[in-house]
């Protein structure tokens, strides 16, 4: 009864491990400013997320089946299931899988936070470059603005006394 849940959690751990490596690779590509490879990694990441969603549904079903077999509520947390398992080896195995899965989730979150910060900094840099290249409205006029009461602006280009 526990084996299907352990097997599904092992699959989830493997997928999370792979997703973490994709996230780390995204960081490398961001640092290298390699946008084409970064976009390819985003596609790979999307496939991982779809697979994770499907496997997570299986895990939830298997956990609820195990909880029902242990006379627990259908949506019992994994910690409650672990505490209710009669065999110490089963408790240890499930706790090990849950801990490993949680560790990967935390690592992925940290890596994606780093990626988000790198992307934000890249966008700020691009915006700064665009602002420097884009001419301002004031620089579009010919020459500099002179004050109206400046005597040099009242003088004509041609001296009529000459």
C-alpha atoms as a PDB file:
ATOM      1  CA  UNK A   1       0.000   0.000   0.000  1.00  0.00           C
ATOM      2  CA  UNK A   2       2.920   2.328   0.742  1.00  0.00           C
ATOM      3  CA  UNK A   3       5.027   1.227  -2.235  1.00  0.00           C
ATOM      4  CA  UNK A   4       3.042   3.085  -4.949  1.00  0.00           C
ATOM      5  CA  UNK A   5       3.341   6.325  -2.950  1.00  0.00           C
ATOM      6  CA  UNK A   6       7.074   5.827  -2.452  1.00  0.00           C
ATOM      7  CA  UNK A   7       7.540   5.087  -6.141  1.00  0.00           C
ATOM      8  CA  UNK A   8       5.601   8.210  -7.139  1.00  0.00           C
ATOM      9  CA  UNK A   9       7.565  10.325  -4.681  1.00  0.00           C
ATOM     10  CA  UNK A  10      10.809   8.940  -6.118  1.00  0.00           C
ATOM     11  CA  UNK A  11       9.630  10.014  -9.578  1.00  0.00           C
ATOM     12  CA  UNK A  12       8.777  13.459  -8.202  1.00  0.00           C
ATOM     13  CA  UNK A  13      12.217  13.726  -6.630  1.00  0.00           C
ATOM     14  CA  UNK A  14      13.866  12.789  -9.932  1.00  0.00           C
ATOM     15  CA  UNK A  15      11.793  15.373 -11.807  1.00  0.00           C
ATOM     16  CA  UNK A  16      12.585  18.046  -9.235  1.00  0.00           C
ATOM     17  CA  UNK A  17      16.275  17.199  -9.445  1.00  0.00           C
ATOM     18  CA  UNK A  18      16.124  17.610 -13.213  1.00  0.00           C
ATOM     19  CA  UNK A  19      14.155  20.848 -12.864  1.00  0.00           C
ATOM     20  CA  UNK A  20      16.810  22.178 -10.472  1.00  0.00           C
ATOM     21  CA  UNK A  21      19.521  21.472 -13.039  1.00  0.00           C
ATOM     22  CA  UNK A  22      17.462  23.328 -15.666  1.00  0.00           C
ATOM     23  CA  UNK A  23      17.105  26.286 -13.280  1.00  0.00           C
ATOM     24  CA  UNK A  24      20.866  26.297 -12.671  1.00  0.00           C
ATOM     25  CA  UNK A  25      21.494  26.138 -16.411  1.00  0.00           C
ATOM     26  CA  UNK A  26      19.127  29.096 -16.869  1.00  0.00           C
ATOM     27  CA  UNK A  27      21.261  31.055 -14.411  1.00  0.00           C
ATOM     28  CA  UNK A  28      24.364  30.266 -16.440  1.00  0.00           C
ATOM     29  CA  UNK A  29      22.685  31.310 -19.686  1.00  0.00           C
ATOM     30  CA  UNK A  30      21.473  34.549 -18.095  1.00  0.00           C
ATOM     31  CA  UNK A  31      24.991  35.349 -16.921  1.00  0.00           C
ATOM     32  CA  UNK A  32      26.315  34.634 -20.415  1.00  0.00           C
ATOM     33  CA  UNK A  33      23.491  36.703 -21.947  1.00  0.00           C
ATOM     34  CA  UNK A  34      22.647  33.727 -24.180  1.00  0.00           C
ATOM     35  CA  UNK A  35      18.971  34.390 -24.844  1.00  0.00           C
ATOM     36  CA  UNK A  36      18.457  31.653 -27.459  1.00  0.00           C
ATOM     37  CA  UNK A  37      19.621  28.882 -25.116  1.00  0.00           C
ATOM     38  CA  UNK A  38      17.653  30.505 -22.280  1.00  0.00           C
ATOM     39  CA  UNK A  39      14.472  30.318 -24.374  1.00  0.00           C
ATOM     40  CA  UNK A  40      15.137  26.640 -25.123  1.00  0.00           C
ATOM     41  CA  UNK A  41      15.543  26.010 -21.403  1.00  0.00           C
ATOM     42  CA  UNK A  42      12.197  27.706 -20.771  1.00  0.00           C
ATOM     43  CA  UNK A  43      10.553  25.203 -23.127  1.00  0.00           C
ATOM     44  CA  UNK A  44      12.237  22.301 -21.339  1.00  0.00           C
ATOM     45  CA  UNK A  45      11.164  23.758 -18.012  1.00  0.00           C
ATOM     46  CA  UNK A  46       7.549  23.974 -19.181  1.00  0.00           C
ATOM     47  CA  UNK A  47       7.596  20.266 -20.067  1.00  0.00           C
ATOM     48  CA  UNK A  48       8.979  19.477 -16.610  1.00  0.00           C
ATOM     49  CA  UNK A  49       6.229  21.505 -14.959  1.00  0.00           C
ATOM     50  CA  UNK A  50       3.538  19.662 -16.938  1.00  0.00           C
ATOM     51  CA  UNK A  51       5.014  16.300 -15.954  1.00  0.00           C
ATOM     52  CA  UNK A  52       5.271  17.425 -12.325  1.00  0.00           C
ATOM     53  CA  UNK A  53       1.614  18.442 -12.285  1.00  0.00           C
ATOM     54  CA  UNK A  54       0.578  15.031 -13.592  1.00  0.00           C
ATOM     55  CA  UNK A  55       2.764  13.091 -11.142  1.00  0.00           C
ATOM     56  CA  UNK A  56       1.630  15.321  -8.262  1.00  0.00           C
ATOM     57  CA  UNK A  57      -1.989  14.376  -8.998  1.00  0.00           C
ATOM     58  CA  UNK A  58      -0.984  10.718  -8.762  1.00  0.00           C
ATOM     59  CA  UNK A  59       0.840  11.377  -5.487  1.00  0.00           C
ATOM     60  CA  UNK A  60      -2.205  13.101  -4.006  1.00  0.00           C
ATOM     61  CA  UNK A  61      -4.443  10.191  -4.987  1.00  0.00           C
ATOM     62  CA  UNK A  62      -2.043   7.609  -3.571  1.00  0.00           C
ATOM     63  CA  UNK A  63      -1.622   9.620  -0.365  1.00  0.00           C
ATOM     64  CA  UNK A  64      -5.381   9.909   0.084  1.00  0.00           C
ATOM     65  CA  UNK A  65      -5.781   6.151  -0.557  1.00  0.00           C
ATOM     66  CA  UNK A  66      -3.108   5.400   2.034  1.00  0.00           C
ATOM     67  CA  UNK A  67      -4.680   7.854   4.489  1.00  0.00           C
ATOM     68  CA  UNK A  68      -8.060   6.154   4.051  1.00  0.00           C
ATOM     69  CA  UNK A  69      -6.452   2.757   4.656  1.00  0.00           C
ATOM     70  CA  UNK A  70      -4.942   4.136   7.875  1.00  0.00           C
ATOM     71  CA  UNK A  71      -8.329   5.542   8.978  1.00  0.00           C
ATOM     72  CA  UNK A  72      -7.164   9.134   8.477  1.00  0.00           C
ATOM     73  CA  UNK A  73      -9.022  11.942   6.715  1.00  0.00           C
ATOM     74  CA  UNK A  74      -8.722  11.877   2.935  1.00  0.00           C
ATOM     75  CA  UNK A  75      -6.649  15.079   2.805  1.00  0.00           C
ATOM     76  CA  UNK A  76      -4.360  14.182   5.721  1.00  0.00           C
ATOM     77  CA  UNK A  77      -0.868  15.702   5.520  1.00  0.00           C
ATOM     78  CA  UNK A  78       2.118  13.460   4.908  1.00  0.00           C
ATOM     79  CA  UNK A  79       3.304  13.998   8.474  1.00  0.00           C
ATOM     80  CA  UNK A  80       0.049  12.505   9.790  1.00  0.00           C
ATOM     81  CA  UNK A  81       0.430   9.542   7.445  1.00  0.00           C
ATOM     82  CA  UNK A  82       4.024   9.039   8.581  1.00  0.00           C
ATOM     83  CA  UNK A  83       2.968   9.067  12.233  1.00  0.00           C
ATOM     84  CA  UNK A  84       0.203   6.534  11.536  1.00  0.00           C
ATOM     85  CA  UNK A  85       2.346   3.962   9.752  1.00  0.00           C
ATOM     86  CA  UNK A  86       2.817   0.840  11.894  1.00  0.00           C
ATOM     87  CA  UNK A  87       6.309  -0.105  10.656  1.00  0.00           C
ATOM     88  CA  UNK A  88       9.296   2.043  11.621  1.00  0.00           C
ATOM     89  CA  UNK A  89      11.026   1.252   8.321  1.00  0.00           C
ATOM     90  CA  UNK A  90       7.980   2.498   6.393  1.00  0.00           C
ATOM     91  CA  UNK A  91       7.904   5.694   8.475  1.00  0.00           C
ATOM     92  CA  UNK A  92      11.602   6.276   7.818  1.00  0.00           C
ATOM     93  CA  UNK A  93      11.282   5.612   4.087  1.00  0.00           C
ATOM     94  CA  UNK A  94       8.322   7.964   3.647  1.00  0.00           C
ATOM     95  CA  UNK A  95       9.909  10.636   5.830  1.00  0.00           C
ATOM     96  CA  UNK A  96      13.135  10.393   3.813  1.00  0.00           C
ATOM     97  CA  UNK A  97      11.248  10.858   0.535  1.00  0.00           C
ATOM     98  CA  UNK A  98       9.194  13.761   1.885  1.00  0.00           C
ATOM     99  CA  UNK A  99      12.307  15.496   3.231  1.00  0.00           C
ATOM    100  CA  UNK A 100      14.211  15.027  -0.032  1.00  0.00           C
ATOM    101  CA  UNK A 101      11.281  16.348  -2.043  1.00  0.00           C
ATOM    102  CA  UNK A 102      10.940  19.389   0.201  1.00  0.00           C
ATOM    103  CA  UNK A 103      14.687  20.078  -0.065  1.00  0.00           C
ATOM    104  CA  UNK A 104      14.490  20.106  -3.868  1.00  0.00           C
ATOM    105  CA  UNK A 105      11.460  22.408  -3.814  1.00  0.00           C
ATOM    106  CA  UNK A 106      13.341  24.869  -1.573  1.00  0.00           C
ATOM    107  CA  UNK A 107      16.471  24.700  -3.767  1.00  0.00           C
ATOM    108  CA  UNK A 108      14.441  25.308  -6.936  1.00  0.00           C
ATOM    109  CA  UNK A 109      12.686  28.263  -5.330  1.00  0.00           C
ATOM    110  CA  UNK A 110      16.020  29.820  -4.349  1.00  0.00           C
ATOM    111  CA  UNK A 111      17.448  29.266  -7.822  1.00  0.00           C
ATOM    112  CA  UNK A 112      14.389  30.777  -9.489  1.00  0.00           C
ATOM    113  CA  UNK A 113      14.589  33.788  -7.153  1.00  0.00           C
ATOM    114  CA  UNK A 114      18.168  34.286  -8.300  1.00  0.00           C
ATOM    115  CA  UNK A 115      17.082  33.965 -11.937  1.00  0.00           C
ATOM    116  CA  UNK A 116      14.307  36.503 -11.350  1.00  0.00           C
ATOM    117  CA  UNK A 117      16.811  38.960  -9.868  1.00  0.00           C
ATOM    118  CA  UNK A 118      19.201  38.450 -12.777  1.00  0.00           C
ATOM    119  CA  UNK A 119      16.398  39.041 -15.274  1.00  0.00           C
ATOM    120  CA  UNK A 120      15.324  42.184 -13.445  1.00  0.00           C
ATOM    121  CA  UNK A 121      18.872  43.525 -13.478  1.00  0.00           C
ATOM    122  CA  UNK A 122      19.217  42.699 -17.174  1.00  0.00           C
ATOM    123  CA  UNK A 123      16.004  44.540 -17.957  1.00  0.00           C
ATOM    124  CA  UNK A 124      17.146  47.539 -15.929  1.00  0.00           C
ATOM    125  CA  UNK A 125      20.433  47.565 -17.839  1.00  0.00           C
ATOM    126  CA  UNK A 126      18.639  47.385 -21.187  1.00  0.00           C
ATOM    127  CA  UNK A 127      16.315  50.204 -20.122  1.00  0.00           C
ATOM    128  CA  UNK A 128      19.303  52.322 -19.100  1.00  0.00           C
ATOM    129  CA  UNK A 129      20.939  51.720 -22.467  1.00  0.00           C
ATOM    130  CA  UNK A 130      17.722  52.611 -24.286  1.00  0.00           C
ATOM    131  CA  UNK A 131      17.399  55.812 -22.248  1.00  0.00           C
ATOM    132  CA  UNK A 132      20.963  56.757 -23.144  1.00  0.00           C
ATOM    133  CA  UNK A 133      20.443  56.083 -26.854  1.00  0.00           C
ATOM    134  CA  UNK A 134      16.988  57.615 -27.147  1.00  0.00           C
ATOM    135  CA  UNK A 135      17.303  61.371 -27.678  1.00  0.00           C
ATOM    136  CA  UNK A 136      15.433  63.550 -25.268  1.00  0.00           C
ATOM    137  CA  UNK A 137      12.926  66.172 -26.427  1.00  0.00           C
ATOM    138  CA  UNK A 138      15.262  68.986 -25.346  1.00  0.00           C
ATOM    139  CA  UNK A 139      18.127  67.683 -27.452  1.00  0.00           C
ATOM    140  CA  UNK A 140      15.923  67.624 -30.566  1.00  0.00           C
ATOM    141  CA  UNK A 141      15.941  71.452 -30.803  1.00  0.00           C
ATOM    142  CA  UNK A 142      18.697  73.146 -32.744  1.00  0.00           C
ATOM    143  CA  UNK A 143      20.992  74.742 -30.240  1.00  0.00           C
ATOM    144  CA  UNK A 144      20.490  75.602 -26.647  1.00  0.00           C
ATOM    145  CA  UNK A 145      17.668  77.569 -25.101  1.00  0.00           C
ATOM    146  CA  UNK A 146      18.553  81.149 -24.243  1.00  0.00           C
ATOM    147  CA  UNK A 147      16.776  83.347 -21.800  1.00  0.00           C
ATOM    148  CA  UNK A 148      14.413  85.944 -23.269  1.00  0.00           C
ATOM    149  CA  UNK A 149      16.095  88.763 -21.409  1.00  0.00           C
ATOM    150  CA  UNK A 150      19.553  87.747 -22.550  1.00  0.00           C
ATOM    151  CA  UNK A 151      20.974  90.652 -24.629  1.00  0.00           C
ATOM    152  CA  UNK A 152      22.613  88.229 -27.052  1.00  0.00           C
ATOM    153  CA  UNK A 153      19.172  86.896 -28.105  1.00  0.00           C
ATOM    154  CA  UNK A 154      17.878  90.418 -28.876  1.00  0.00           C
ATOM    155  CA  UNK A 155      20.686  91.131 -31.285  1.00  0.00           C
ATOM    156  CA  UNK A 156      20.084  90.350 -34.925  1.00  0.00           C
ATOM    157  CA  UNK A 157      22.360  88.166 -36.935  1.00  0.00           C
ATOM    158  CA  UNK A 158      22.856  91.058 -39.383  1.00  0.00           C
ATOM    159  CA  UNK A 159      24.087  94.363 -38.075  1.00  0.00           C
ATOM    160  CA  UNK A 160      22.006  96.974 -39.871  1.00  0.00           C
ATOM    161  CA  UNK A 161      24.494  99.794 -39.080  1.00  0.00           C
ATOM    162  CA  UNK A 162      27.239  98.193 -41.015  1.00  0.00           C
END
